[in-house]
């Protein structure tokens, strides 16, 4: 996202998208400490504490050595399955003032359809709403909406990234491994993800991703900045986890001053080709 060349002028539809987007209480002297309070813990209690301290590291579960490859393989399966679906994508961006009130907005709705040959087409539903005064969405923003925020770590993209396990955590009621993902290097005009993935321990589906699209684009003539975001996935067909929404609420540090933005991307009405019913997230 860039700041507008002149504040107060919203970007025009059809133009190229550029940045316009206490101390502890002491025992009372009149109330002596009882013998029970001064009594040392029993040997049994001390033994249990020591045993737990020794056994806890041994009981910790280690992630698979090939965790990143397992995730990438599952991501490839998920992407192939998602390409069999049509869905609706709603993008809503707000620029906020210092009190958090919206003063400009961009909103569009698209139906995303994949042909039998897996070619992607997008149909804009109605005219986009455009009242942004200080920001303009850039080509990179739309590439991130398409390629970075919904899916990232397929097998053909894995070589672009360095990965490192970061332990485990229960996320959205799912036992997950946490995997850090960072680009090995920035190549040309490519866009990458830099952040964390929460991956379910059973099938290696991505449950949540949190991070940022990179690189930030900073030159002497332009600033094209990108917010930190979180993408949530849910099982749509009982097996595969598809993106349901992406949220961002961040302050972009432009040279002329920070600009807070709020972004929500919703992915809804998943429907497999030839199916009359619409799949709802579980």
C-alpha atoms as a PDB file:
ATOM      1  CA  UNK A   1       0.000   0.000   0.000  1.00  0.00           C
ATOM      2  CA  UNK A   2       1.160   3.482  -0.818  1.00  0.00           C
ATOM      3  CA  UNK A   3       0.081   6.878   0.396  1.00  0.00           C
ATOM      4  CA  UNK A   4      -1.764   9.055  -2.051  1.00  0.00           C
ATOM      5  CA  UNK A   5       0.251  11.694  -3.845  1.00  0.00           C
ATOM      6  CA  UNK A   6      -2.119  14.303  -2.413  1.00  0.00           C
ATOM      7  CA  UNK A   7      -4.187  13.823   0.753  1.00  0.00           C
ATOM      8  CA  UNK A   8      -7.910  14.012   0.152  1.00  0.00           C
ATOM      9  CA  UNK A   9      -7.809  12.648  -3.398  1.00  0.00           C
ATOM     10  CA  UNK A  10      -9.115   9.116  -3.565  1.00  0.00           C
ATOM     11  CA  UNK A  11      -7.555   6.813  -6.128  1.00  0.00           C
ATOM     12  CA  UNK A  12      -9.537   6.555  -9.329  1.00  0.00           C
ATOM     13  CA  UNK A  13     -10.919   3.217 -10.467  1.00  0.00           C
ATOM     14  CA  UNK A  14      -8.929   1.835 -13.376  1.00  0.00           C
ATOM     15  CA  UNK A  15      -5.671   3.485 -12.413  1.00  0.00           C
ATOM     16  CA  UNK A  16      -2.631   1.352 -11.653  1.00  0.00           C
ATOM     17  CA  UNK A  17      -2.645   0.438  -7.997  1.00  0.00           C
ATOM     18  CA  UNK A  18       0.134   2.307  -6.161  1.00  0.00           C
ATOM     19  CA  UNK A  19       0.592   3.676  -2.491  1.00  0.00           C
ATOM     20  CA  UNK A  20      -2.618   6.224  -2.308  1.00  0.00           C
ATOM     21  CA  UNK A  21      -3.549   1.111  -0.094  1.00  0.00           C
ATOM     22  CA  UNK A  22       5.279  -3.559  46.455  1.00  0.00           C
ATOM     23  CA  UNK A  23       7.373  -5.046  48.731  1.00  0.00           C
ATOM     24  CA  UNK A  24       6.139  -8.412  50.153  1.00  0.00           C
ATOM     25  CA  UNK A  25       4.227  -8.180  53.414  1.00  0.00           C
ATOM     26  CA  UNK A  26       6.423  -8.868  56.437  1.00  0.00           C
ATOM     27  CA  UNK A  27       5.207 -11.181  59.214  1.00  0.00           C
ATOM     28  CA  UNK A  28       3.466  -9.216  61.932  1.00  0.00           C
ATOM     29  CA  UNK A  29       5.533  -8.706  65.065  1.00  0.00           C
ATOM     30  CA  UNK A  30       2.410  -9.350  67.099  1.00  0.00           C
ATOM     31  CA  UNK A  31       1.490 -12.529  65.205  1.00  0.00           C
ATOM     32  CA  UNK A  32       4.385 -15.007  65.302  1.00  0.00           C
ATOM     33  CA  UNK A  33       4.692 -17.489  62.473  1.00  0.00           C
ATOM     34  CA  UNK A  34       3.322 -20.861  63.489  1.00  0.00           C
ATOM     35  CA  UNK A  35       5.368 -24.034  63.566  1.00  0.00           C
ATOM     36  CA  UNK A  36       3.303 -25.406  60.680  1.00  0.00           C
ATOM     37  CA  UNK A  37       4.206 -22.437  58.500  1.00  0.00           C
ATOM     38  CA  UNK A  38       7.909 -22.968  59.247  1.00  0.00           C
ATOM     39  CA  UNK A  39       7.777 -26.696  58.576  1.00  0.00           C
ATOM     40  CA  UNK A  40       9.934 -27.863  55.655  1.00  0.00           C
ATOM     41  CA  UNK A  41       8.283 -29.800  52.821  1.00  0.00           C
ATOM     42  CA  UNK A  42       8.333 -33.518  53.331  1.00  0.00           C
ATOM     43  CA  UNK A  43      10.887 -35.701  51.560  1.00  0.00           C
ATOM     44  CA  UNK A  44       8.095 -37.251  49.477  1.00  0.00           C
ATOM     45  CA  UNK A  45       7.028 -33.864  48.071  1.00  0.00           C
ATOM     46  CA  UNK A  46      10.610 -32.904  47.286  1.00  0.00           C
ATOM     47  CA  UNK A  47      11.114 -36.242  45.555  1.00  0.00           C
ATOM     48  CA  UNK A  48       8.058 -35.753  43.360  1.00  0.00           C
ATOM     49  CA  UNK A  49       9.204 -32.295  42.336  1.00  0.00           C
ATOM     50  CA  UNK A  50      12.667 -33.552  41.398  1.00  0.00           C
ATOM     51  CA  UNK A  51      11.243 -36.509  39.488  1.00  0.00           C
ATOM     52  CA  UNK A  52       8.950 -34.261  37.466  1.00  0.00           C
ATOM     53  CA  UNK A  53      11.809 -31.889  36.660  1.00  0.00           C
ATOM     54  CA  UNK A  54      13.903 -34.809  35.387  1.00  0.00           C
ATOM     55  CA  UNK A  55      11.149 -36.547  33.424  1.00  0.00           C
ATOM     56  CA  UNK A  56       9.472 -33.495  31.851  1.00  0.00           C
ATOM     57  CA  UNK A  57      12.069 -32.998  29.084  1.00  0.00           C
ATOM     58  CA  UNK A  58      11.944 -36.692  28.264  1.00  0.00           C
ATOM     59  CA  UNK A  59       8.150 -36.613  27.980  1.00  0.00           C
ATOM     60  CA  UNK A  60       8.187 -33.634  25.570  1.00  0.00           C
ATOM     61  CA  UNK A  61       7.178 -34.630  22.059  1.00  0.00           C
ATOM     62  CA  UNK A  62       9.574 -33.802  19.259  1.00  0.00           C
ATOM     63  CA  UNK A  63       8.291 -32.774  15.824  1.00  0.00           C
ATOM     64  CA  UNK A  64       9.031 -35.010  12.836  1.00  0.00           C
ATOM     65  CA  UNK A  65      12.457 -34.359  11.357  1.00  0.00           C
ATOM     66  CA  UNK A  66      10.831 -33.795   7.961  1.00  0.00           C
ATOM     67  CA  UNK A  67       8.000 -31.605   9.257  1.00  0.00           C
ATOM     68  CA  UNK A  68       8.368 -28.975   6.527  1.00  0.00           C
ATOM     69  CA  UNK A  69       8.191 -31.614   3.767  1.00  0.00           C
ATOM     70  CA  UNK A  70       5.113 -33.182   5.347  1.00  0.00           C
ATOM     71  CA  UNK A  71       3.438 -29.783   5.506  1.00  0.00           C
ATOM     72  CA  UNK A  72       4.387 -28.947   1.918  1.00  0.00           C
ATOM     73  CA  UNK A  73       3.029 -32.264   0.675  1.00  0.00           C
ATOM     74  CA  UNK A  74      -0.250 -31.665   2.468  1.00  0.00           C
ATOM     75  CA  UNK A  75      -0.386 -28.107   1.156  1.00  0.00           C
ATOM     76  CA  UNK A  76       0.026 -29.393  -2.396  1.00  0.00           C
ATOM     77  CA  UNK A  77      -2.888 -31.764  -1.857  1.00  0.00           C
ATOM     78  CA  UNK A  78      -4.971 -28.964  -0.354  1.00  0.00           C
ATOM     79  CA  UNK A  79      -4.207 -26.569  -3.196  1.00  0.00           C
ATOM     80  CA  UNK A  80      -5.121 -29.211  -5.783  1.00  0.00           C
ATOM     81  CA  UNK A  81      -8.396 -29.860  -3.970  1.00  0.00           C
ATOM     82  CA  UNK A  82      -9.179 -26.159  -3.594  1.00  0.00           C
ATOM     83  CA  UNK A  83      -8.708 -25.755  -7.334  1.00  0.00           C
ATOM     84  CA  UNK A  84     -11.786 -27.966  -7.741  1.00  0.00           C
ATOM     85  CA  UNK A  85     -13.931 -25.374  -5.957  1.00  0.00           C
ATOM     86  CA  UNK A  86     -15.451 -22.038  -6.749  1.00  0.00           C
ATOM     87  CA  UNK A  87     -15.807 -19.537  -3.935  1.00  0.00           C
ATOM     88  CA  UNK A  88     -16.503 -15.899  -3.172  1.00  0.00           C
ATOM     89  CA  UNK A  89     -13.742 -13.562  -2.028  1.00  0.00           C
ATOM     90  CA  UNK A  90     -14.606 -10.288  -0.282  1.00  0.00           C
ATOM     91  CA  UNK A  91     -11.862  -7.723   0.355  1.00  0.00           C
ATOM     92  CA  UNK A  92     -12.496  -4.804   2.714  1.00  0.00           C
ATOM     93  CA  UNK A  93      -9.735  -2.297   3.536  1.00  0.00           C
ATOM     94  CA  UNK A  94     -10.222   0.664   5.857  1.00  0.00           C
ATOM     95  CA  UNK A  95      -7.825   3.508   6.553  1.00  0.00           C
ATOM     96  CA  UNK A  96      -8.251   4.701  10.149  1.00  0.00           C
ATOM     97  CA  UNK A  97      -7.667   8.017  11.864  1.00  0.00           C
ATOM     98  CA  UNK A  98      -5.789   8.472  15.142  1.00  0.00           C
ATOM     99  CA  UNK A  99      -8.926   7.536  17.127  1.00  0.00           C
ATOM    100  CA  UNK A 100      -9.482   4.321  15.173  1.00  0.00           C
ATOM    101  CA  UNK A 101     -12.432   5.610  13.161  1.00  0.00           C
ATOM    102  CA  UNK A 102     -12.665   4.735   9.463  1.00  0.00           C
ATOM    103  CA  UNK A 103     -12.138   7.686   7.147  1.00  0.00           C
ATOM    104  CA  UNK A 104     -11.816   5.832   3.860  1.00  0.00           C
ATOM    105  CA  UNK A 105     -12.574   2.370   2.508  1.00  0.00           C
ATOM    106  CA  UNK A 106     -12.026   0.007  -0.384  1.00  0.00           C
ATOM    107  CA  UNK A 107     -14.343  -2.958  -0.828  1.00  0.00           C
ATOM    108  CA  UNK A 108     -14.773  -5.464  -3.624  1.00  0.00           C
ATOM    109  CA  UNK A 109     -16.458  -8.837  -4.081  1.00  0.00           C
ATOM    110  CA  UNK A 110     -15.239 -11.441  -6.563  1.00  0.00           C
ATOM    111  CA  UNK A 111     -16.317 -14.923  -7.516  1.00  0.00           C
ATOM    112  CA  UNK A 112     -13.225 -17.074  -8.045  1.00  0.00           C
ATOM    113  CA  UNK A 113     -13.694 -19.956 -10.453  1.00  0.00           C
ATOM    114  CA  UNK A 114     -11.280 -22.634 -11.646  1.00  0.00           C
ATOM    115  CA  UNK A 115     -11.943 -24.206 -15.019  1.00  0.00           C
ATOM    116  CA  UNK A 116     -11.739 -27.988 -15.623  1.00  0.00           C
ATOM    117  CA  UNK A 117      -8.141 -27.327 -16.748  1.00  0.00           C
ATOM    118  CA  UNK A 118      -7.519 -25.503 -13.407  1.00  0.00           C
ATOM    119  CA  UNK A 119      -7.238 -22.075 -14.976  1.00  0.00           C
ATOM    120  CA  UNK A 120      -8.304 -19.387 -12.522  1.00  0.00           C
ATOM    121  CA  UNK A 121     -10.800 -16.739 -13.518  1.00  0.00           C
ATOM    122  CA  UNK A 122     -12.264 -13.977 -11.367  1.00  0.00           C
ATOM    123  CA  UNK A 123     -15.538 -12.167 -11.844  1.00  0.00           C
ATOM    124  CA  UNK A 124     -16.041  -8.870 -10.014  1.00  0.00           C
ATOM    125  CA  UNK A 125     -19.523  -8.662  -8.502  1.00  0.00           C
ATOM    126  CA  UNK A 126     -20.819  -5.114  -8.791  1.00  0.00           C
ATOM    127  CA  UNK A 127     -18.705  -1.990  -8.698  1.00  0.00           C
ATOM    128  CA  UNK A 128     -15.971  -1.771  -6.052  1.00  0.00           C
ATOM    129  CA  UNK A 129     -16.461   0.783  -3.295  1.00  0.00           C
ATOM    130  CA  UNK A 130     -13.597   3.249  -3.266  1.00  0.00           C
ATOM    131  CA  UNK A 131     -13.437   6.134  -0.781  1.00  0.00           C
ATOM    132  CA  UNK A 132      -9.776   5.884   0.245  1.00  0.00           C
ATOM    133  CA  UNK A 133      -8.222   9.298   0.828  1.00  0.00           C
ATOM    134  CA  UNK A 134      -4.644   8.503   1.807  1.00  0.00           C
ATOM    135  CA  UNK A 135      -3.877   5.028   0.445  1.00  0.00           C
ATOM    136  CA  UNK A 136      -3.946   3.113  -2.804  1.00  0.00           C
ATOM    137  CA  UNK A 137      -3.797  -0.643  -3.199  1.00  0.00           C
ATOM    138  CA  UNK A 138      -0.857  -1.696  -5.365  1.00  0.00           C
ATOM    139  CA  UNK A 139      -0.283  -4.586  -7.745  1.00  0.00           C
ATOM    140  CA  UNK A 140       1.714  -6.240  -4.966  1.00  0.00           C
ATOM    141  CA  UNK A 141      -1.249  -5.994  -2.603  1.00  0.00           C
ATOM    142  CA  UNK A 142      -3.437  -7.871  -5.042  1.00  0.00           C
ATOM    143  CA  UNK A 143      -0.720 -10.479  -5.631  1.00  0.00           C
ATOM    144  CA  UNK A 144      -0.522 -11.007  -1.857  1.00  0.00           C
ATOM    145  CA  UNK A 145      -4.313 -11.385  -1.661  1.00  0.00           C
ATOM    146  CA  UNK A 146      -4.158 -14.012  -4.374  1.00  0.00           C
ATOM    147  CA  UNK A 147      -0.962 -15.948  -3.615  1.00  0.00           C
ATOM    148  CA  UNK A 148       0.415 -15.230  -0.116  1.00  0.00           C
ATOM    149  CA  UNK A 149      -2.436 -14.823   2.340  1.00  0.00           C
ATOM    150  CA  UNK A 150      -4.457 -17.927   1.389  1.00  0.00           C
ATOM    151  CA  UNK A 151      -1.798 -20.576   0.512  1.00  0.00           C
ATOM    152  CA  UNK A 152       1.986 -20.570   0.735  1.00  0.00           C
ATOM    153  CA  UNK A 153       4.055 -23.688   1.375  1.00  0.00           C
ATOM    154  CA  UNK A 154       3.352 -26.119  -1.468  1.00  0.00           C
ATOM    155  CA  UNK A 155       6.084 -28.530  -2.567  1.00  0.00           C
ATOM    156  CA  UNK A 156       7.072 -26.407  -5.544  1.00  0.00           C
ATOM    157  CA  UNK A 157       7.557 -23.384  -3.258  1.00  0.00           C
ATOM    158  CA  UNK A 158       9.277 -25.100  -0.320  1.00  0.00           C
ATOM    159  CA  UNK A 159      12.773 -24.614  -1.733  1.00  0.00           C
ATOM    160  CA  UNK A 160      12.227 -20.832  -1.477  1.00  0.00           C
ATOM    161  CA  UNK A 161      12.000 -21.000   2.313  1.00  0.00           C
ATOM    162  CA  UNK A 162      14.022 -21.726   5.408  1.00  0.00           C
ATOM    163  CA  UNK A 163      11.942 -23.509   8.030  1.00  0.00           C
ATOM    164  CA  UNK A 164      12.470 -24.153  11.735  1.00  0.00           C
ATOM    165  CA  UNK A 165      10.200 -25.940  14.247  1.00  0.00           C
ATOM    166  CA  UNK A 166       9.199 -23.735  17.170  1.00  0.00           C
ATOM    167  CA  UNK A 167       7.600 -26.276  19.503  1.00  0.00           C
ATOM    168  CA  UNK A 168       3.939 -27.099  19.799  1.00  0.00           C
ATOM    169  CA  UNK A 169       0.791 -25.290  20.874  1.00  0.00           C
ATOM    170  CA  UNK A 170      -2.951 -25.839  20.989  1.00  0.00           C
ATOM    171  CA  UNK A 171      -4.474 -23.433  18.518  1.00  0.00           C
ATOM    172  CA  UNK A 172      -8.197 -23.141  17.824  1.00  0.00           C
ATOM    173  CA  UNK A 173      -8.707 -26.344  19.886  1.00  0.00           C
ATOM    174  CA  UNK A 174      -6.281 -28.266  17.650  1.00  0.00           C
ATOM    175  CA  UNK A 175      -2.951 -29.768  18.779  1.00  0.00           C
ATOM    176  CA  UNK A 176      -0.422 -28.116  16.490  1.00  0.00           C
ATOM    177  CA  UNK A 177       3.233 -27.932  15.642  1.00  0.00           C
ATOM    178  CA  UNK A 178       4.528 -24.384  15.209  1.00  0.00           C
ATOM    179  CA  UNK A 179       6.739 -23.889  12.161  1.00  0.00           C
ATOM    180  CA  UNK A 180       8.709 -20.724  11.417  1.00  0.00           C
ATOM    181  CA  UNK A 181       8.955 -19.881   7.725  1.00  0.00           C
ATOM    182  CA  UNK A 182      11.306 -17.331   6.171  1.00  0.00           C
ATOM    183  CA  UNK A 183      12.410 -16.724   2.567  1.00  0.00           C
ATOM    184  CA  UNK A 184      15.928 -17.916   1.756  1.00  0.00           C
ATOM    185  CA  UNK A 185      16.472 -14.904  -0.453  1.00  0.00           C
ATOM    186  CA  UNK A 186      14.440 -12.304  -2.302  1.00  0.00           C
ATOM    187  CA  UNK A 187      14.455 -12.957  -6.038  1.00  0.00           C
ATOM    188  CA  UNK A 188      13.399 -10.273  -8.489  1.00  0.00           C
ATOM    189  CA  UNK A 189       9.831  -9.164  -8.118  1.00  0.00           C
ATOM    190  CA  UNK A 190       8.737 -12.289  -6.264  1.00  0.00           C
ATOM    191  CA  UNK A 191       6.510 -12.097  -3.180  1.00  0.00           C
ATOM    192  CA  UNK A 192       7.097 -14.269  -0.096  1.00  0.00           C
ATOM    193  CA  UNK A 193       5.674 -15.097   3.321  1.00  0.00           C
ATOM    194  CA  UNK A 194       7.642 -14.469   6.532  1.00  0.00           C
ATOM    195  CA  UNK A 195       6.035 -15.705   9.743  1.00  0.00           C
ATOM    196  CA  UNK A 196       4.641 -18.686  11.650  1.00  0.00           C
ATOM    197  CA  UNK A 197       2.440 -21.609  10.685  1.00  0.00           C
ATOM    198  CA  UNK A 198       0.340 -23.667  13.105  1.00  0.00           C
ATOM    199  CA  UNK A 199       0.054 -27.186  11.684  1.00  0.00           C
ATOM    200  CA  UNK A 200      -2.192 -29.928  13.042  1.00  0.00           C
ATOM    201  CA  UNK A 201      -0.190 -32.888  14.358  1.00  0.00           C
ATOM    202  CA  UNK A 202      -2.405 -35.508  12.775  1.00  0.00           C
ATOM    203  CA  UNK A 203      -2.630 -34.620   9.090  1.00  0.00           C
ATOM    204  CA  UNK A 204      -0.275 -31.609   8.818  1.00  0.00           C
ATOM    205  CA  UNK A 205      -2.973 -29.204   7.698  1.00  0.00           C
ATOM    206  CA  UNK A 206      -2.252 -25.525   8.236  1.00  0.00           C
ATOM    207  CA  UNK A 207      -4.714 -24.301  10.868  1.00  0.00           C
ATOM    208  CA  UNK A 208      -3.467 -20.722  11.152  1.00  0.00           C
ATOM    209  CA  UNK A 209      -0.751 -18.570   9.675  1.00  0.00           C
ATOM    210  CA  UNK A 210       0.517 -15.280  11.047  1.00  0.00           C
ATOM    211  CA  UNK A 211       3.135 -13.027   9.538  1.00  0.00           C
ATOM    212  CA  UNK A 212       3.759 -10.649   6.699  1.00  0.00           C
ATOM    213  CA  UNK A 213       4.166 -10.578   2.948  1.00  0.00           C
ATOM    214  CA  UNK A 214       7.687  -9.473   1.997  1.00  0.00           C
ATOM    215  CA  UNK A 215       9.631  -7.613   0.849  1.00  0.00           C
ATOM    216  CA  UNK A 216       8.600  -4.137   1.864  1.00  0.00           C
ATOM    217  CA  UNK A 217       9.356  -1.900  -1.112  1.00  0.00           C
ATOM    218  CA  UNK A 218      11.306   1.190  -0.091  1.00  0.00           C
ATOM    219  CA  UNK A 219      13.160   3.465  -2.505  1.00  0.00           C
ATOM    220  CA  UNK A 220      13.976   7.150  -2.582  1.00  0.00           C
ATOM    221  CA  UNK A 221      10.875   7.691  -4.722  1.00  0.00           C
ATOM    222  CA  UNK A 222       8.289   5.312  -3.297  1.00  0.00           C
ATOM    223  CA  UNK A 223       7.135   3.422  -0.215  1.00  0.00           C
ATOM    224  CA  UNK A 224       5.015   0.332  -0.710  1.00  0.00           C
ATOM    225  CA  UNK A 225       4.318  -1.173   2.716  1.00  0.00           C
ATOM    226  CA  UNK A 226       2.458  -4.305   3.766  1.00  0.00           C
ATOM    227  CA  UNK A 227       0.705  -5.137   7.047  1.00  0.00           C
ATOM    228  CA  UNK A 228       1.099  -8.110   9.345  1.00  0.00           C
ATOM    229  CA  UNK A 229      -1.852 -10.461   8.969  1.00  0.00           C
ATOM    230  CA  UNK A 230      -3.452 -13.629  10.322  1.00  0.00           C
ATOM    231  CA  UNK A 231      -5.200 -16.185   8.135  1.00  0.00           C
ATOM    232  CA  UNK A 232      -7.587 -18.697   9.713  1.00  0.00           C
ATOM    233  CA  UNK A 233      -8.498 -21.997   8.094  1.00  0.00           C
ATOM    234  CA  UNK A 234     -11.298 -24.439   8.787  1.00  0.00           C
ATOM    235  CA  UNK A 235     -12.182 -27.899   7.416  1.00  0.00           C
ATOM    236  CA  UNK A 236     -14.591 -27.266   4.579  1.00  0.00           C
ATOM    237  CA  UNK A 237     -15.260 -30.801   3.318  1.00  0.00           C
ATOM    238  CA  UNK A 238     -14.385 -32.687   6.509  1.00  0.00           C
ATOM    239  CA  UNK A 239     -10.846 -33.353   5.294  1.00  0.00           C
ATOM    240  CA  UNK A 240      -9.161 -30.353   3.731  1.00  0.00           C
ATOM    241  CA  UNK A 241      -8.619 -27.051   5.524  1.00  0.00           C
ATOM    242  CA  UNK A 242      -9.350 -23.990   3.368  1.00  0.00           C
ATOM    243  CA  UNK A 243      -8.844 -20.298   4.221  1.00  0.00           C
ATOM    244  CA  UNK A 244     -11.946 -18.757   5.781  1.00  0.00           C
ATOM    245  CA  UNK A 245     -10.719 -15.250   6.494  1.00  0.00           C
ATOM    246  CA  UNK A 246      -7.621 -13.075   6.692  1.00  0.00           C
ATOM    247  CA  UNK A 247      -7.405 -10.213   9.204  1.00  0.00           C
ATOM    248  CA  UNK A 248      -4.907  -7.374   9.538  1.00  0.00           C
ATOM    249  CA  UNK A 249      -4.919  -4.408  11.921  1.00  0.00           C
ATOM    250  CA  UNK A 250      -1.571  -2.682  11.644  1.00  0.00           C
ATOM    251  CA  UNK A 251       0.130   0.692  11.445  1.00  0.00           C
ATOM    252  CA  UNK A 252       2.215   1.230   8.321  1.00  0.00           C
ATOM    253  CA  UNK A 253       5.297   3.376   9.116  1.00  0.00           C
ATOM    254  CA  UNK A 254       5.375   5.797   6.201  1.00  0.00           C
ATOM    255  CA  UNK A 255       7.993   8.561   6.205  1.00  0.00           C
ATOM    256  CA  UNK A 256       5.268  11.185   6.395  1.00  0.00           C
ATOM    257  CA  UNK A 257       3.747   9.495   9.416  1.00  0.00           C
ATOM    258  CA  UNK A 258       2.165   6.177  10.383  1.00  0.00           C
ATOM    259  CA  UNK A 259      -1.112   5.120   8.822  1.00  0.00           C
ATOM    260  CA  UNK A 260      -3.239   2.547  10.609  1.00  0.00           C
ATOM    261  CA  UNK A 261      -5.218   0.180   8.413  1.00  0.00           C
ATOM    262  CA  UNK A 262      -7.719  -2.605   8.980  1.00  0.00           C
ATOM    263  CA  UNK A 263      -8.073  -5.384   6.407  1.00  0.00           C
ATOM    264  CA  UNK A 264     -10.535  -8.280   6.241  1.00  0.00           C
ATOM    265  CA  UNK A 265     -10.548 -10.840   3.430  1.00  0.00           C
ATOM    266  CA  UNK A 266     -13.377 -13.374   3.589  1.00  0.00           C
ATOM    267  CA  UNK A 267     -13.468 -16.610   1.586  1.00  0.00           C
ATOM    268  CA  UNK A 268     -16.993 -18.015   1.505  1.00  0.00           C
ATOM    269  CA  UNK A 269     -19.522 -20.118  -0.417  1.00  0.00           C
ATOM    270  CA  UNK A 270     -17.062 -22.883  -1.280  1.00  0.00           C
ATOM    271  CA  UNK A 271     -18.731 -25.126  -3.822  1.00  0.00           C
ATOM    272  CA  UNK A 272     -17.235 -28.006  -5.723  1.00  0.00           C
ATOM    273  CA  UNK A 273     -17.794 -28.091  -9.464  1.00  0.00           C
ATOM    274  CA  UNK A 274     -21.033 -29.860 -10.318  1.00  0.00           C
ATOM    275  CA  UNK A 275     -22.277 -29.766  -6.724  1.00  0.00           C
ATOM    276  CA  UNK A 276     -25.554 -28.061  -5.976  1.00  0.00           C
ATOM    277  CA  UNK A 277     -24.881 -27.536  -2.273  1.00  0.00           C
ATOM    278  CA  UNK A 278     -22.453 -25.083  -0.708  1.00  0.00           C
ATOM    279  CA  UNK A 279     -19.856 -26.340   1.778  1.00  0.00           C
ATOM    280  CA  UNK A 280     -19.774 -24.459   5.056  1.00  0.00           C
ATOM    281  CA  UNK A 281     -16.745 -24.446   7.403  1.00  0.00           C
ATOM    282  CA  UNK A 282     -17.051 -26.818  10.347  1.00  0.00           C
END
